[in-house]
Protein backbone atom coordinates (compact mmCIF):
# COMPACT_ATOMS: atom_id res chain seq x y z
CA UNK A 1 -19.17 -5.63 -4.46
CA UNK A 2 -16.66 -8.28 -3.45
CA UNK A 3 -14.39 -7.71 -0.45
CA UNK A 4 -11.39 -9.87 0.44
CA UNK A 5 -9.57 -9.74 3.77
CA UNK A 6 -5.81 -9.84 3.43
CA UNK A 7 -2.61 -8.50 4.91
CA UNK A 8 0.28 -6.24 4.02
CA UNK A 9 3.57 -7.93 4.92
CA UNK A 10 4.98 -4.89 6.72
CA UNK A 11 4.32 -6.89 9.89
CA UNK A 12 7.08 -9.32 8.87
CA UNK A 13 9.79 -6.79 7.95
CA UNK A 14 12.86 -7.72 10.03
CA UNK A 15 10.95 -10.11 12.30
CA UNK A 16 9.93 -12.85 9.88
CA UNK A 17 12.06 -12.53 6.74
CA UNK A 18 11.94 -16.29 6.06
CA UNK A 19 9.35 -16.98 3.31
CA UNK A 20 8.26 -20.19 5.02
CA UNK A 21 7.66 -18.29 8.26
CA UNK A 22 5.67 -15.23 7.14
CA UNK A 23 3.55 -17.33 4.78
CA UNK A 24 2.83 -19.73 7.64
CA UNK A 25 1.79 -16.85 9.89
CA UNK A 26 -0.44 -15.32 7.20
CA UNK A 27 -1.94 -18.58 5.96
CA UNK A 28 -2.07 -20.81 9.05
CA UNK A 29 -1.96 -18.60 12.15
CA UNK A 30 -4.10 -15.79 10.73
CA UNK A 31 -6.08 -17.90 8.27
CA UNK A 32 -5.72 -15.38 5.43
CA UNK A 33 -5.32 -16.09 1.73
CA UNK A 34 -4.51 -12.70 0.20
CA UNK A 35 -1.24 -10.85 0.61
CA UNK A 36 0.24 -7.51 -0.40
CA UNK A 37 3.96 -8.28 -0.43
CA UNK A 38 6.24 -5.40 0.54
CA UNK A 39 9.64 -4.71 -0.98
CA UNK A 40 11.29 -5.12 2.41
CA UNK A 41 10.93 -8.89 2.03
CA UNK A 42 12.27 -8.95 -1.53
CA UNK A 43 14.11 -5.79 -2.51
CA UNK A 44 14.67 -5.37 -6.28
CA UNK A 45 18.14 -3.94 -5.64
CA UNK A 46 19.42 -7.27 -4.34
CA UNK A 47 21.76 -9.32 -6.55
CA UNK A 48 19.94 -11.37 -9.20
CA UNK A 49 21.03 -14.65 -7.62
CA UNK A 50 19.31 -13.74 -4.35
CA UNK A 51 16.18 -12.48 -6.12
CA UNK A 52 15.82 -15.73 -8.08
CA UNK A 53 16.36 -17.82 -4.95
CA UNK A 54 13.94 -15.82 -2.81
CA UNK A 55 11.31 -15.68 -5.54
CA UNK A 56 11.34 -19.46 -5.78
CA UNK A 57 11.13 -19.84 -1.99
CA UNK A 58 8.23 -17.38 -1.77
CA UNK A 59 6.32 -19.13 -4.56
CA UNK A 60 6.80 -22.53 -2.95
CA UNK A 61 5.94 -21.35 0.56
CA UNK A 62 2.89 -19.45 -0.69
CA UNK A 63 1.59 -22.54 -2.42
CA UNK A 64 2.20 -24.67 0.66
CA UNK A 65 0.26 -22.31 2.93
CA UNK A 66 -2.48 -21.38 0.48
CA UNK A 67 -1.35 -17.78 -0.01
CA UNK A 68 -1.97 -15.65 -3.07
CA UNK A 69 0.30 -12.63 -3.54
CA UNK A 70 -2.29 -10.39 -5.15
CA UNK A 71 -0.34 -7.13 -4.98
CA UNK A 72 3.15 -5.84 -4.18
CA UNK A 73 4.02 -2.48 -2.64
CA UNK A 74 6.68 -0.40 -0.96
CA UNK A 75 6.43 0.17 2.79
CA UNK A 76 7.80 2.25 5.66
CA UNK A 77 11.32 0.95 5.10
CA UNK A 78 11.25 2.01 1.45
CA UNK A 79 9.34 5.27 1.99
CA UNK A 80 11.92 7.38 0.21
CA UNK A 81 11.86 10.21 -2.35
CA UNK A 82 11.85 7.73 -5.23
CA UNK A 83 10.58 9.37 -8.44
CA UNK A 84 10.47 12.84 -6.85
CA UNK A 85 14.09 12.82 -5.75
CA UNK A 86 15.78 16.14 -6.56
CA UNK A 87 18.68 14.42 -8.35
CA UNK A 88 18.05 13.27 -11.93
CA UNK A 89 20.31 10.23 -11.79
CA UNK A 90 18.69 9.09 -8.56
CA UNK A 91 15.24 9.41 -10.15
CA UNK A 92 16.45 7.28 -13.04
CA UNK A 93 17.72 4.68 -10.58
CA UNK A 94 14.30 4.44 -8.95
CA UNK A 95 12.56 4.08 -12.31
CA UNK A 96 14.79 1.06 -12.94
CA UNK A 97 14.11 -0.21 -9.41
CA UNK A 98 10.36 -0.13 -9.98
CA UNK A 99 10.73 -1.82 -13.36
CA UNK A 100 12.53 -4.67 -11.63
CA UNK A 101 9.87 -4.74 -8.91
CA UNK A 102 7.23 -5.09 -11.64
CA UNK A 103 9.08 -8.09 -13.07
CA UNK A 104 9.35 -9.71 -9.63
CA UNK A 105 5.68 -9.00 -8.96
CA UNK A 106 4.60 -10.68 -12.19
CA UNK A 107 6.83 -13.66 -11.44
CA UNK A 108 5.09 -14.03 -8.06
CA UNK A 109 1.66 -13.96 -9.70
CA UNK A 110 0.68 -10.47 -8.55
CA UNK A 111 -1.67 -8.37 -10.65
CA UNK A 112 -0.16 -5.03 -9.64
CA UNK A 113 2.70 -3.24 -7.95
CA UNK A 114 2.75 0.22 -6.44
CA UNK A 115 3.97 2.82 -3.98
CA UNK A 116 3.43 6.34 -2.80
CA UNK A 117 3.77 8.66 -5.79
CA UNK A 118 7.10 10.21 -4.80
CA UNK A 119 8.27 12.54 -2.02
CA UNK A 120 9.47 16.09 -2.59
CA UNK A 121 12.47 17.46 -0.75
CA UNK A 122 11.75 20.40 1.55
CA UNK A 123 13.66 22.71 -0.78
CA UNK A 124 11.81 21.58 -3.90
CA UNK A 125 8.34 21.89 -2.43
CA UNK A 126 9.07 25.49 -1.37
CA UNK A 127 10.03 26.45 -4.93
CA UNK A 128 6.94 26.48 -7.24
CA UNK A 129 8.99 26.04 -10.43
CA UNK A 130 11.01 23.14 -9.01
CA UNK A 131 7.89 21.55 -7.56
CA UNK A 132 6.15 21.62 -10.94
CA UNK A 133 9.26 20.34 -12.73
CA UNK A 134 9.76 17.44 -10.31
CA UNK A 135 6.05 16.59 -10.44
CA UNK A 136 6.22 16.32 -14.25
CA UNK A 137 9.36 14.18 -13.91
CA UNK A 138 7.44 11.94 -11.48
CA UNK A 139 4.65 11.50 -14.02
CA UNK A 140 7.19 10.75 -16.72
CA UNK A 141 8.81 8.13 -14.51
CA UNK A 142 5.53 6.37 -13.76
CA UNK A 143 4.66 6.40 -17.46
CA UNK A 144 7.94 4.64 -18.23
CA UNK A 145 7.35 2.14 -15.43
CA UNK A 146 3.84 1.44 -16.70
CA UNK A 147 5.17 0.45 -20.13
CA UNK A 148 7.52 -2.03 -18.50
CA UNK A 149 4.86 -3.33 -16.10
CA UNK A 150 2.49 -3.89 -19.00
CA UNK A 151 5.13 -5.88 -20.89
CA UNK A 152 5.79 -7.93 -17.73
CA UNK A 153 2.11 -8.87 -17.57
CA UNK A 154 0.76 -6.70 -14.75
CA UNK A 155 -2.82 -5.45 -15.09
CA UNK A 156 -2.39 -2.05 -13.42
CA UNK A 157 -0.29 -0.01 -11.00
CA UNK A 158 -1.34 1.56 -7.70
CA UNK A 159 -0.35 4.72 -5.85
CA UNK A 160 -1.11 5.72 -2.27
CA UNK A 161 -2.37 9.19 -1.31
CA UNK A 162 -0.46 10.35 1.74
CA UNK A 163 -0.93 12.87 4.59
CA UNK A 164 1.27 15.91 3.91
CA UNK A 165 1.82 17.96 0.73
CA UNK A 166 5.47 16.91 0.45
CA UNK A 167 4.40 13.25 0.19
CA UNK A 168 1.58 14.08 -2.27
CA UNK A 169 -2.12 13.26 -2.47
CA UNK A 170 -2.82 14.67 0.99
CA UNK A 171 -6.35 15.95 0.27
CA UNK A 172 -9.22 14.52 -1.72
CA UNK A 173 -9.01 17.40 -4.19
CA UNK A 174 -5.25 17.03 -4.68
CA UNK A 175 -5.48 13.24 -4.98
CA UNK A 176 -8.11 13.65 -7.69
CA UNK A 177 -5.86 16.05 -9.62
CA UNK A 178 -2.88 13.70 -9.39
CA UNK A 179 -4.93 10.63 -10.29
CA UNK A 180 -6.24 12.23 -13.47
CA UNK A 181 -2.75 13.38 -14.44
CA UNK A 182 -1.31 9.90 -13.94
CA UNK A 183 -3.93 8.14 -16.01
CA UNK A 184 -3.31 10.49 -18.92
CA UNK A 185 0.26 9.20 -19.26
CA UNK A 186 0.32 5.55 -18.10
CA UNK A 187 -0.14 2.70 -20.56
CA UNK A 188 -1.99 0.54 -18.05
CA UNK A 189 -4.47 1.92 -15.48
CA UNK A 190 -3.04 3.67 -12.43
CA UNK A 191 -5.36 2.83 -9.56
CA UNK A 192 -5.26 3.73 -5.86
CA UNK A 193 -4.22 2.07 -2.65
CA UNK A 194 -6.23 4.05 -0.12
CA UNK A 195 -5.26 4.13 3.56
CA UNK A 196 -7.94 4.76 6.19
CA UNK A 197 -5.43 6.63 8.37
CA UNK A 198 -4.15 9.06 5.74
CA UNK A 199 -5.15 12.63 4.85
CA UNK A 200 -4.07 16.14 5.81
CA UNK A 201 -5.28 16.98 9.30
CA UNK A 202 -4.77 20.73 8.83
CA UNK A 203 -6.51 21.16 5.46
CA UNK A 204 -9.58 22.79 6.96
CA UNK A 205 -11.81 20.18 5.29
CA UNK A 206 -13.05 17.48 7.67
CA UNK A 207 -13.51 15.08 4.75
CA UNK A 208 -9.73 14.94 4.27
CA UNK A 209 -9.38 12.88 7.47
CA UNK A 210 -12.64 11.00 7.00
CA UNK A 211 -11.92 7.54 5.59
CA UNK A 212 -15.50 7.17 4.38
CA UNK A 213 -15.29 10.39 2.37
CA UNK A 214 -12.10 9.11 0.72
CA UNK A 215 -13.76 5.78 -0.06
CA UNK A 216 -16.86 7.42 -1.53
CA UNK A 217 -14.58 9.56 -3.71
CA UNK A 218 -12.16 6.86 -4.87
CA UNK A 219 -13.55 3.45 -3.92
CA UNK A 220 -14.21 2.56 -7.54
CA UNK A 221 -10.52 3.18 -8.27
CA UNK A 222 -9.29 1.18 -5.27
CA UNK A 223 -8.51 -2.54 -5.71
CA UNK A 224 -6.54 -2.65 -2.44
CA UNK A 225 -6.88 -0.59 0.74
CA UNK A 226 -4.79 -0.40 3.89
CA UNK A 227 -6.90 -0.83 6.99
CA UNK A 228 -6.09 -0.21 10.62
CA UNK A 229 -7.85 1.48 13.50
CA UNK A 230 -7.47 5.24 13.79
CA UNK A 231 -8.82 8.13 15.83
CA UNK A 232 -9.11 10.41 12.83
CA UNK A 233 -7.90 13.86 13.85
CA UNK A 234 -5.86 12.29 16.65
CA UNK A 235 -4.26 9.83 14.27
CA UNK A 236 -3.23 6.20 14.47
CA UNK A 237 -2.51 3.55 13.32
CA UNK A 238 -3.69 0.88 15.72
CA UNK A 239 -4.91 -2.72 15.65
CA UNK A 240 -8.61 -3.61 15.82
CA UNK A 241 -8.58 -4.69 19.44
CA UNK A 242 -11.30 -3.88 21.94
CA UNK A 243 -9.37 -1.04 23.59
CA UNK A 244 -8.72 0.74 20.31
CA UNK A 245 -12.10 -0.05 18.75
CA UNK A 246 -13.82 1.69 21.66
CA UNK A 247 -12.86 5.17 20.42
CA UNK A 248 -11.63 4.38 16.90
CA UNK A 249 -13.54 5.70 13.90
CA UNK A 250 -13.03 2.74 11.54
CA UNK A 251 -16.08 0.46 11.46
CA UNK A 252 -16.15 -2.51 9.06
CA UNK A 253 -19.83 -2.13 8.24
CA UNK A 254 -19.29 1.53 7.34
CA UNK A 255 -16.22 0.71 5.22
CA UNK A 256 -18.19 -1.88 3.26
CA UNK A 257 -21.18 0.43 2.86
CA UNK A 258 -18.96 3.23 1.54
CA UNK A 259 -17.30 0.86 -0.94
CA UNK A 260 -20.69 -0.27 -2.16
CA UNK A 261 -21.84 3.34 -2.50
CA UNK A 262 -18.72 4.08 -4.55
CA UNK A 263 -19.52 1.16 -6.89
CA UNK A 264 -16.30 -0.66 -5.99
CA UNK A 265 -16.05 -4.04 -7.67
CA UNK A 266 -13.40 -6.18 -5.97
CA UNK A 267 -11.35 -4.83 -3.07
CA UNK A 268 -8.64 -6.43 -0.98
CA UNK A 269 -8.77 -4.99 2.54
CA UNK A 270 -5.13 -5.33 3.59
CA UNK A 271 -4.44 -5.12 7.31
CA UNK A 272 -1.42 -2.86 7.74
CA UNK A 273 -0.52 -3.30 11.38
CA UNK A 274 2.96 -3.13 12.83
CA UNK A 275 4.60 -2.28 16.13
CA UNK A 276 7.80 -0.57 17.26
CA UNK A 277 10.72 -2.76 18.23
CA UNK A 278 10.07 -2.23 21.92
CA UNK A 279 8.24 -4.04 24.65
CA UNK A 280 5.45 -4.76 25.36
CA UNK A 281 4.53 -4.40 21.65
CA UNK A 282 7.22 -6.76 20.36
CA UNK A 283 5.80 -9.71 22.30
CA UNK A 284 2.12 -9.03 21.71
CA UNK A 285 1.68 -7.53 18.25
CA UNK A 286 1.03 -10.83 16.43
CA UNK A 287 -1.81 -11.49 18.86
CA UNK A 288 -3.16 -8.01 18.12
CA UNK A 289 -3.12 -8.81 14.40
CA UNK A 290 -4.95 -12.08 15.08
CA UNK A 291 -7.56 -10.18 17.10
CA UNK A 292 -7.91 -7.74 14.19
CA UNK A 293 -8.46 -10.59 11.74
CA UNK A 294 -11.07 -12.15 14.02
CA UNK A 295 -12.83 -8.79 14.32
CA UNK A 296 -13.03 -8.33 10.55
CA UNK A 297 -14.01 -11.96 9.90
CA UNK A 298 -17.51 -11.16 11.15
CA UNK A 299 -17.92 -8.81 8.19
CA UNK A 300 -15.64 -10.21 5.46
CA UNK A 301 -15.72 -13.96 4.98
CA UNK A 302 -13.30 -14.30 2.06
């Protein structure tokens, strides 16, 4: 099993939007080589002129700082209803948005793009018939996106199980059901982007908030995983600093052992650490990311 240490660019968001700056931080300050680029830094809905310009800048800056954009993904700023939106025309818009994101991803050299599956409205999830209809529409949308992604040259897509039923994939059992349904309709494999801090805390099954149980169940289907420190039932996410590691449940050696047990082949462990726009976090969060990288370096050399 090969593990790579990388980073999700949610840390950059509105702080480091300049390609030359976030690539420098990832490649030089943090010493990382693998990146999961988020749509916040290059949104497919931007005018084509801006997309072309930013794509070129990101490629050049990545090469200069030794960065490989291995995956692309949505993030907290694009955590919207997407393919499960109650309005048909809005769903169609998001299908087109993801098609464009697939093109951008391929142009940047990524092997995949992805997102959460889609988020139900409160009204739709309370209506069994609407919930089933919108779920089937979500599958249909991802199938259409997969055709386009395949033509663009991507190898697979990824989806992220979440933590409440409305956001989908909240339990191991439900994630398994969704994953099977997706791979029946997509033209390229639909894999997973697990998150060690996700899972339904009120499911009644302790495994649903146990990152190692999730990894044992889906590690073989997970080419990229979001990592951060968490307290499990008490939640997270936090950096891997001494204060948080003291009581946190995420242990690198246990993560790697679970991946090996699951017969995972090649996994990018993407640090997904951010901070609110308030002090003291604003002034110290880059140092907390650096401490997290140093912590994981003991276990993951690549």
